[in-house]
Amino acid sequence: MRVLLTSAGLETEEIREYFLKMLGVGVSEAKALFIPTAAIDAGAIEMLPECMNDLLKCGIQNKNIKVFDLHTGMEIAELQKYDVVYLCGGDTNYLLERVNATGFNATLMEYIKGNGMVVGVSAGSLLFSNNLAGNLGLINSRLDVHCPDGEARGKVEYPIKDNMRLTNTCALVIREFPDGLEIIGE
């Protein structure tokens, strides 16, 4: 299990370095599945180039990034061809509705449990928390993003507290339960 839940993506050098360490393959060969589905309003759409730039700045080649908008599902064999799934921010309700309606929820969770890597950004992170009914259930906690004050850096005790807060410069790292939970960044 390799999941980075963030408010603002690979915003800091520390988060980018952690991402590259977790990626587990040479970055120039890495294949990414980029999911912009949540970006349905002007503000979120404006952020999409920054999100794409997160992957490019890390060294993932443009030709190795596939944009997938969740109009259909994806079988696990296809998803496993990607080294990382990057879920962009925007409208959490819409993103969750598309993930569930296409069956991508089950495929994505199977991918994660099979050690697939996921980066969630804002709404892309909230999918995994208990903020909304029908969520993917990765963490049994409410998650707040874009907070002025976040959780303290370091290991996160299990069970997770009822409400986790992330700033734009920190990430919740999820490896294996219960020992693989950690806050990086500030």
C-alpha atoms as a PDB file:
ATOM      1  CA  MET A   1       0.000   0.000   0.000  1.00  0.00           C
ATOM      2  CA  ARG A   2       1.455   3.316  -1.131  1.00  0.00           C
ATOM      3  CA  VAL A   3      -0.883   6.276  -0.796  1.00  0.00           C
ATOM      4  CA  LEU A   4      -0.163  10.006  -0.407  1.00  0.00           C
ATOM      5  CA  LEU A   5      -3.193  12.065   0.587  1.00  0.00           C
ATOM      6  CA  THR A   6      -2.599  15.791   0.110  1.00  0.00           C
ATOM      7  CA  SER A   7      -4.391  19.123  -0.099  1.00  0.00           C
ATOM      8  CA  ALA A   8      -2.256  20.534  -2.892  1.00  0.00           C
ATOM      9  CA  GLY A   9      -0.374  17.654  -4.500  1.00  0.00           C
ATOM     10  CA  LEU A  10       3.391  17.451  -4.713  1.00  0.00           C
ATOM     11  CA  GLU A  11       3.631  21.042  -3.510  1.00  0.00           C
ATOM     12  CA  THR A  12       6.925  20.883  -1.621  1.00  0.00           C
ATOM     13  CA  GLU A  13      10.352  19.426  -2.263  1.00  0.00           C
ATOM     14  CA  GLU A  14       9.890  17.102   0.715  1.00  0.00           C
ATOM     15  CA  ILE A  15       6.617  15.677  -0.625  1.00  0.00           C
ATOM     16  CA  ARG A  16       8.114  15.317  -4.137  1.00  0.00           C
ATOM     17  CA  GLU A  17      11.148  13.464  -2.749  1.00  0.00           C
ATOM     18  CA  TYR A  18       8.908  11.185  -0.682  1.00  0.00           C
ATOM     19  CA  PHE A  19       6.777  10.518  -3.768  1.00  0.00           C
ATOM     20  CA  LEU A  20       9.841   9.569  -5.805  1.00  0.00           C
ATOM     21  CA  LYS A  21      11.082   7.266  -3.045  1.00  0.00           C
ATOM     22  CA  MET A  22       7.681   5.564  -2.822  1.00  0.00           C
ATOM     23  CA  LEU A  23       7.318   5.297  -6.605  1.00  0.00           C
ATOM     24  CA  GLY A  24       9.686   2.346  -6.709  1.00  0.00           C
ATOM     25  CA  VAL A  25      10.578   2.592 -10.425  1.00  0.00           C
ATOM     26  CA  GLY A  26      12.834   4.829 -12.449  1.00  0.00           C
ATOM     27  CA  VAL A  27      10.947   8.072 -12.910  1.00  0.00           C
ATOM     28  CA  SER A  28      11.766   8.361 -16.614  1.00  0.00           C
ATOM     29  CA  GLU A  29      10.054   4.993 -17.199  1.00  0.00           C
ATOM     30  CA  ALA A  30       7.168   5.570 -14.776  1.00  0.00           C
ATOM     31  CA  LYS A  31       3.653   5.500 -16.173  1.00  0.00           C
ATOM     32  CA  ALA A  32       0.974   7.675 -14.558  1.00  0.00           C
ATOM     33  CA  LEU A  33      -2.799   7.649 -14.791  1.00  0.00           C
ATOM     34  CA  PHE A  34      -3.976  11.256 -14.384  1.00  0.00           C
ATOM     35  CA  ILE A  35      -7.637  11.623 -13.341  1.00  0.00           C
ATOM     36  CA  PRO A  36      -9.009  15.203 -13.645  1.00  0.00           C
ATOM     37  CA  THR A  37     -12.668  14.172 -13.223  1.00  0.00           C
ATOM     38  CA  ALA A  38     -13.335  16.282 -10.104  1.00  0.00           C
ATOM     39  CA  ALA A  39     -12.351  19.505 -11.892  1.00  0.00           C
ATOM     40  CA  ILE A  40     -15.795  20.652 -13.019  1.00  0.00           C
ATOM     41  CA  ASP A  41     -15.719  24.302 -11.951  1.00  0.00           C
ATOM     42  CA  ALA A  42     -13.509  27.145 -13.176  1.00  0.00           C
ATOM     43  CA  GLY A  43     -11.237  27.247 -10.109  1.00  0.00           C
ATOM     44  CA  ALA A  44     -10.500  23.523 -10.213  1.00  0.00           C
ATOM     45  CA  ILE A  45     -10.019  23.543 -13.979  1.00  0.00           C
ATOM     46  CA  GLU A  46      -7.449  26.351 -13.579  1.00  0.00           C
ATOM     47  CA  MET A  47      -5.448  24.077 -11.246  1.00  0.00           C
ATOM     48  CA  LEU A  48      -5.194  21.160 -13.694  1.00  0.00           C
ATOM     49  CA  PRO A  49      -1.982  22.403 -15.373  1.00  0.00           C
ATOM     50  CA  GLU A  50      -0.366  22.673 -11.923  1.00  0.00           C
ATOM     51  CA  CYS A  51      -1.435  19.132 -11.123  1.00  0.00           C
ATOM     52  CA  MET A  52      -0.039  17.834 -14.398  1.00  0.00           C
ATOM     53  CA  ASN A  53       3.127  19.811 -13.721  1.00  0.00           C
ATOM     54  CA  ASP A  54       3.512  17.919 -10.404  1.00  0.00           C
ATOM     55  CA  LEU A  55       4.200  14.763 -12.377  1.00  0.00           C
ATOM     56  CA  LEU A  56       6.317  16.453 -15.040  1.00  0.00           C
ATOM     57  CA  LYS A  57       8.499  18.272 -12.447  1.00  0.00           C
ATOM     58  CA  CYS A  58       9.246  14.912 -10.860  1.00  0.00           C
ATOM     59  CA  GLY A  59      10.546  13.627 -14.183  1.00  0.00           C
ATOM     60  CA  ILE A  60       7.614  11.555 -15.435  1.00  0.00           C
ATOM     61  CA  GLN A  61       7.563  11.951 -19.194  1.00  0.00           C
ATOM     62  CA  ASN A  62       4.503  13.491 -20.822  1.00  0.00           C
ATOM     63  CA  LYS A  63       4.208  10.503 -23.165  1.00  0.00           C
ATOM     64  CA  ASN A  64       3.891   8.252 -20.088  1.00  0.00           C
ATOM     65  CA  ILE A  65       0.930  10.138 -18.598  1.00  0.00           C
ATOM     66  CA  LYS A  66      -2.559   9.034 -19.605  1.00  0.00           C
ATOM     67  CA  VAL A  67      -5.501  11.339 -18.862  1.00  0.00           C
ATOM     68  CA  PHE A  68      -8.515   9.272 -17.788  1.00  0.00           C
ATOM     69  CA  ASP A  69     -11.788  11.072 -17.059  1.00  0.00           C
ATOM     70  CA  LEU A  70     -13.860   8.217 -15.585  1.00  0.00           C
ATOM     71  CA  HIS A  71     -16.562   8.053 -18.239  1.00  0.00           C
ATOM     72  CA  THR A  72     -16.061   4.306 -18.072  1.00  0.00           C
ATOM     73  CA  GLY A  73     -14.480   1.936 -15.609  1.00  0.00           C
ATOM     74  CA  MET A  74     -11.123   0.267 -15.951  1.00  0.00           C
ATOM     75  CA  GLU A  75     -10.237  -3.368 -15.392  1.00  0.00           C
ATOM     76  CA  ILE A  76      -7.537  -4.180 -12.842  1.00  0.00           C
ATOM     77  CA  ALA A  77      -5.205  -5.612 -15.506  1.00  0.00           C
ATOM     78  CA  GLU A  78      -5.254  -2.251 -17.315  1.00  0.00           C
ATOM     79  CA  LEU A  79      -4.844  -0.228 -14.105  1.00  0.00           C
ATOM     80  CA  GLN A  80      -1.846  -2.315 -13.052  1.00  0.00           C
ATOM     81  CA  LYS A  81       0.035  -1.039 -16.119  1.00  0.00           C
ATOM     82  CA  TYR A  82       0.411   2.297 -14.272  1.00  0.00           C
ATOM     83  CA  ASP A  83       2.973   2.996 -11.590  1.00  0.00           C
ATOM     84  CA  VAL A  84       0.896   5.781 -10.040  1.00  0.00           C
ATOM     85  CA  VAL A  85      -2.682   7.043 -10.110  1.00  0.00           C
ATOM     86  CA  TYR A  86      -2.984  10.814  -9.591  1.00  0.00           C
ATOM     87  CA  LEU A  87      -6.487  11.950  -8.526  1.00  0.00           C
ATOM     88  CA  CYS A  88      -6.982  15.711  -8.988  1.00  0.00           C
ATOM     89  CA  GLY A  89      -9.074  18.015  -6.834  1.00  0.00           C
ATOM     90  CA  GLY A  90     -12.388  19.728  -7.452  1.00  0.00           C
ATOM     91  CA  ASP A  91     -15.906  18.553  -6.647  1.00  0.00           C
ATOM     92  CA  THR A  92     -15.651  15.622  -4.220  1.00  0.00           C
ATOM     93  CA  ASN A  93     -19.293  14.582  -4.601  1.00  0.00           C
ATOM     94  CA  TYR A  94     -19.015  14.424  -8.388  1.00  0.00           C
ATOM     95  CA  LEU A  95     -15.719  12.527  -8.275  1.00  0.00           C
ATOM     96  CA  LEU A  96     -17.078   9.983  -5.800  1.00  0.00           C
ATOM     97  CA  GLU A  97     -20.240   9.548  -7.876  1.00  0.00           C
ATOM     98  CA  ARG A  98     -18.151   8.840 -11.027  1.00  0.00           C
ATOM     99  CA  VAL A  99     -15.747   6.509  -9.199  1.00  0.00           C
ATOM    100  CA  ASN A 100     -18.650   4.479  -7.801  1.00  0.00           C
ATOM    101  CA  ALA A 101     -20.875   4.579 -10.920  1.00  0.00           C
ATOM    102  CA  THR A 102     -18.117   3.237 -13.183  1.00  0.00           C
ATOM    103  CA  GLY A 103     -16.989   0.516 -10.758  1.00  0.00           C
ATOM    104  CA  PHE A 104     -13.576   2.189 -10.540  1.00  0.00           C
ATOM    105  CA  ASN A 105     -13.936   2.163  -6.738  1.00  0.00           C
ATOM    106  CA  ALA A 106     -13.416  -1.615  -6.520  1.00  0.00           C
ATOM    107  CA  THR A 107     -10.648  -1.600  -9.126  1.00  0.00           C
ATOM    108  CA  LEU A 108      -8.813   1.253  -7.426  1.00  0.00           C
ATOM    109  CA  MET A 109      -8.989  -0.393  -4.001  1.00  0.00           C
ATOM    110  CA  GLU A 110      -7.727  -3.676  -5.477  1.00  0.00           C
ATOM    111  CA  TYR A 111      -4.882  -1.738  -7.090  1.00  0.00           C
ATOM    112  CA  ILE A 112      -4.003  -0.099  -3.754  1.00  0.00           C
ATOM    113  CA  LYS A 113      -4.141  -3.392  -1.851  1.00  0.00           C
ATOM    114  CA  GLY A 114      -1.836  -4.879  -4.500  1.00  0.00           C
ATOM    115  CA  ASN A 115       0.753  -2.184  -3.669  1.00  0.00           C
ATOM    116  CA  GLY A 116      -0.318   0.258  -6.380  1.00  0.00           C
ATOM    117  CA  MET A 117       0.583   3.882  -5.696  1.00  0.00           C
ATOM    118  CA  VAL A 118      -1.992   6.671  -5.450  1.00  0.00           C
ATOM    119  CA  VAL A 119      -1.625  10.419  -4.973  1.00  0.00           C
ATOM    120  CA  GLY A 120      -4.799  12.194  -3.913  1.00  0.00           C
ATOM    121  CA  VAL A 121      -5.141  15.964  -4.209  1.00  0.00           C
ATOM    122  CA  SER A 122      -7.921  17.682  -2.245  1.00  0.00           C
ATOM    123  CA  ALA A 123     -11.123  15.964  -3.501  1.00  0.00           C
ATOM    124  CA  GLY A 124      -8.903  13.121  -4.701  1.00  0.00           C
ATOM    125  CA  SER A 125      -7.845  12.630  -1.071  1.00  0.00           C
ATOM    126  CA  LEU A 126     -11.299  13.014   0.424  1.00  0.00           C
ATOM    127  CA  LEU A 127     -12.524   9.951  -1.512  1.00  0.00           C
ATOM    128  CA  PHE A 128     -10.611   7.758   0.918  1.00  0.00           C
ATOM    129  CA  SER A 129     -11.953   9.313   4.142  1.00  0.00           C
ATOM    130  CA  ASN A 130     -15.341   9.068   5.789  1.00  0.00           C
ATOM    131  CA  ASN A 131     -16.399  12.611   4.813  1.00  0.00           C
ATOM    132  CA  LEU A 132     -19.103  11.263   2.467  1.00  0.00           C
ATOM    133  CA  ALA A 133     -21.315   8.190   2.380  1.00  0.00           C
ATOM    134  CA  GLY A 134     -20.119   5.684  -0.192  1.00  0.00           C
ATOM    135  CA  ASN A 135     -16.453   6.668   0.247  1.00  0.00           C
ATOM    136  CA  LEU A 136     -13.645   4.227  -0.501  1.00  0.00           C
ATOM    137  CA  GLY A 137     -13.038   3.591   3.198  1.00  0.00           C
ATOM    138  CA  LEU A 138      -9.269   3.584   3.281  1.00  0.00           C
ATOM    139  CA  ILE A 139      -9.144   5.641   6.467  1.00  0.00           C
ATOM    140  CA  ASN A 140     -11.844   5.636   9.115  1.00  0.00           C
ATOM    141  CA  SER A 141     -11.581   9.341   9.785  1.00  0.00           C
ATOM    142  CA  ARG A 142     -12.889  12.618   8.478  1.00  0.00           C
ATOM    143  CA  LEU A 143     -10.232  14.446   6.468  1.00  0.00           C
ATOM    144  CA  ASP A 144     -10.109  18.225   6.121  1.00  0.00           C
ATOM    145  CA  VAL A 145      -7.887  19.742   3.423  1.00  0.00           C
ATOM    146  CA  HIS A 146      -6.438  23.228   2.830  1.00  0.00           C
ATOM    147  CA  CYS A 147      -6.327  23.879   6.591  1.00  0.00           C
ATOM    148  CA  PRO A 148      -4.219  26.731   8.012  1.00  0.00           C
ATOM    149  CA  ASP A 149      -3.054  24.380  10.796  1.00  0.00           C
ATOM    150  CA  GLY A 150      -2.573  20.677  10.242  1.00  0.00           C
ATOM    151  CA  GLU A 151      -1.514  17.562  12.034  1.00  0.00           C
ATOM    152  CA  ALA A 152       1.895  17.344  13.644  1.00  0.00           C
ATOM    153  CA  ARG A 153       4.677  15.759  11.606  1.00  0.00           C
ATOM    154  CA  GLY A 154       5.436  12.136  12.466  1.00  0.00           C
ATOM    155  CA  LYS A 155       3.833   8.754  12.989  1.00  0.00           C
ATOM    156  CA  VAL A 156       0.046   8.702  13.200  1.00  0.00           C
ATOM    157  CA  GLU A 157      -1.329   6.507  15.962  1.00  0.00           C
ATOM    158  CA  TYR A 158      -3.908   3.861  15.125  1.00  0.00           C
ATOM    159  CA  PRO A 159      -6.838   3.974  15.407  1.00  0.00           C
ATOM    160  CA  ILE A 160      -6.779   7.299  13.613  1.00  0.00           C
ATOM    161  CA  LYS A 161      -8.465  10.175  15.402  1.00  0.00           C
ATOM    162  CA  ASP A 162     -11.918  11.197  14.179  1.00  0.00           C
ATOM    163  CA  ASN A 163     -10.772  14.230  12.205  1.00  0.00           C
ATOM    164  CA  MET A 164      -7.425  14.670  10.423  1.00  0.00           C
ATOM    165  CA  ARG A 165      -6.360  18.100   9.097  1.00  0.00           C
ATOM    166  CA  LEU A 166      -3.958  18.660   6.198  1.00  0.00           C
ATOM    167  CA  THR A 167      -2.298  21.930   5.246  1.00  0.00           C
ATOM    168  CA  ASN A 168      -1.257  22.649   1.655  1.00  0.00           C
ATOM    169  CA  THR A 169       2.328  21.669   2.534  1.00  0.00           C
ATOM    170  CA  CYS A 170       1.857  18.318   4.258  1.00  0.00           C
ATOM    171  CA  ALA A 171       0.663  14.840   3.306  1.00  0.00           C
ATOM    172  CA  LEU A 172      -0.786  11.810   5.030  1.00  0.00           C
ATOM    173  CA  VAL A 173       1.306   8.831   3.961  1.00  0.00           C
ATOM    174  CA  ILE A 174      -0.417   5.452   4.116  1.00  0.00           C
ATOM    175  CA  ARG A 175       1.697   2.368   3.754  1.00  0.00           C
ATOM    176  CA  GLU A 176       0.567  -0.694   5.745  1.00  0.00           C
ATOM    177  CA  PHE A 177      -1.868  -0.561   8.658  1.00  0.00           C
ATOM    178  CA  PRO A 178      -1.461   0.115  11.464  1.00  0.00           C
ATOM    179  CA  ASP A 179       2.227   1.088  11.523  1.00  0.00           C
ATOM    180  CA  GLY A 180       2.516   2.763   8.139  1.00  0.00           C
ATOM    181  CA  LEU A 181       0.636   5.989   8.818  1.00  0.00           C
ATOM    182  CA  GLU A 182       2.690   9.169   8.891  1.00  0.00           C
ATOM    183  CA  ILE A 183       2.378  12.922   8.374  1.00  0.00           C
ATOM    184  CA  ILE A 184       5.170  14.480   6.317  1.00  0.00           C
ATOM    185  CA  GLY A 185       5.658  18.187   5.729  1.00  0.00           C
ATOM    186  CA  GLU A 186       4.321  21.041   7.791  1.00  0.00           C
END
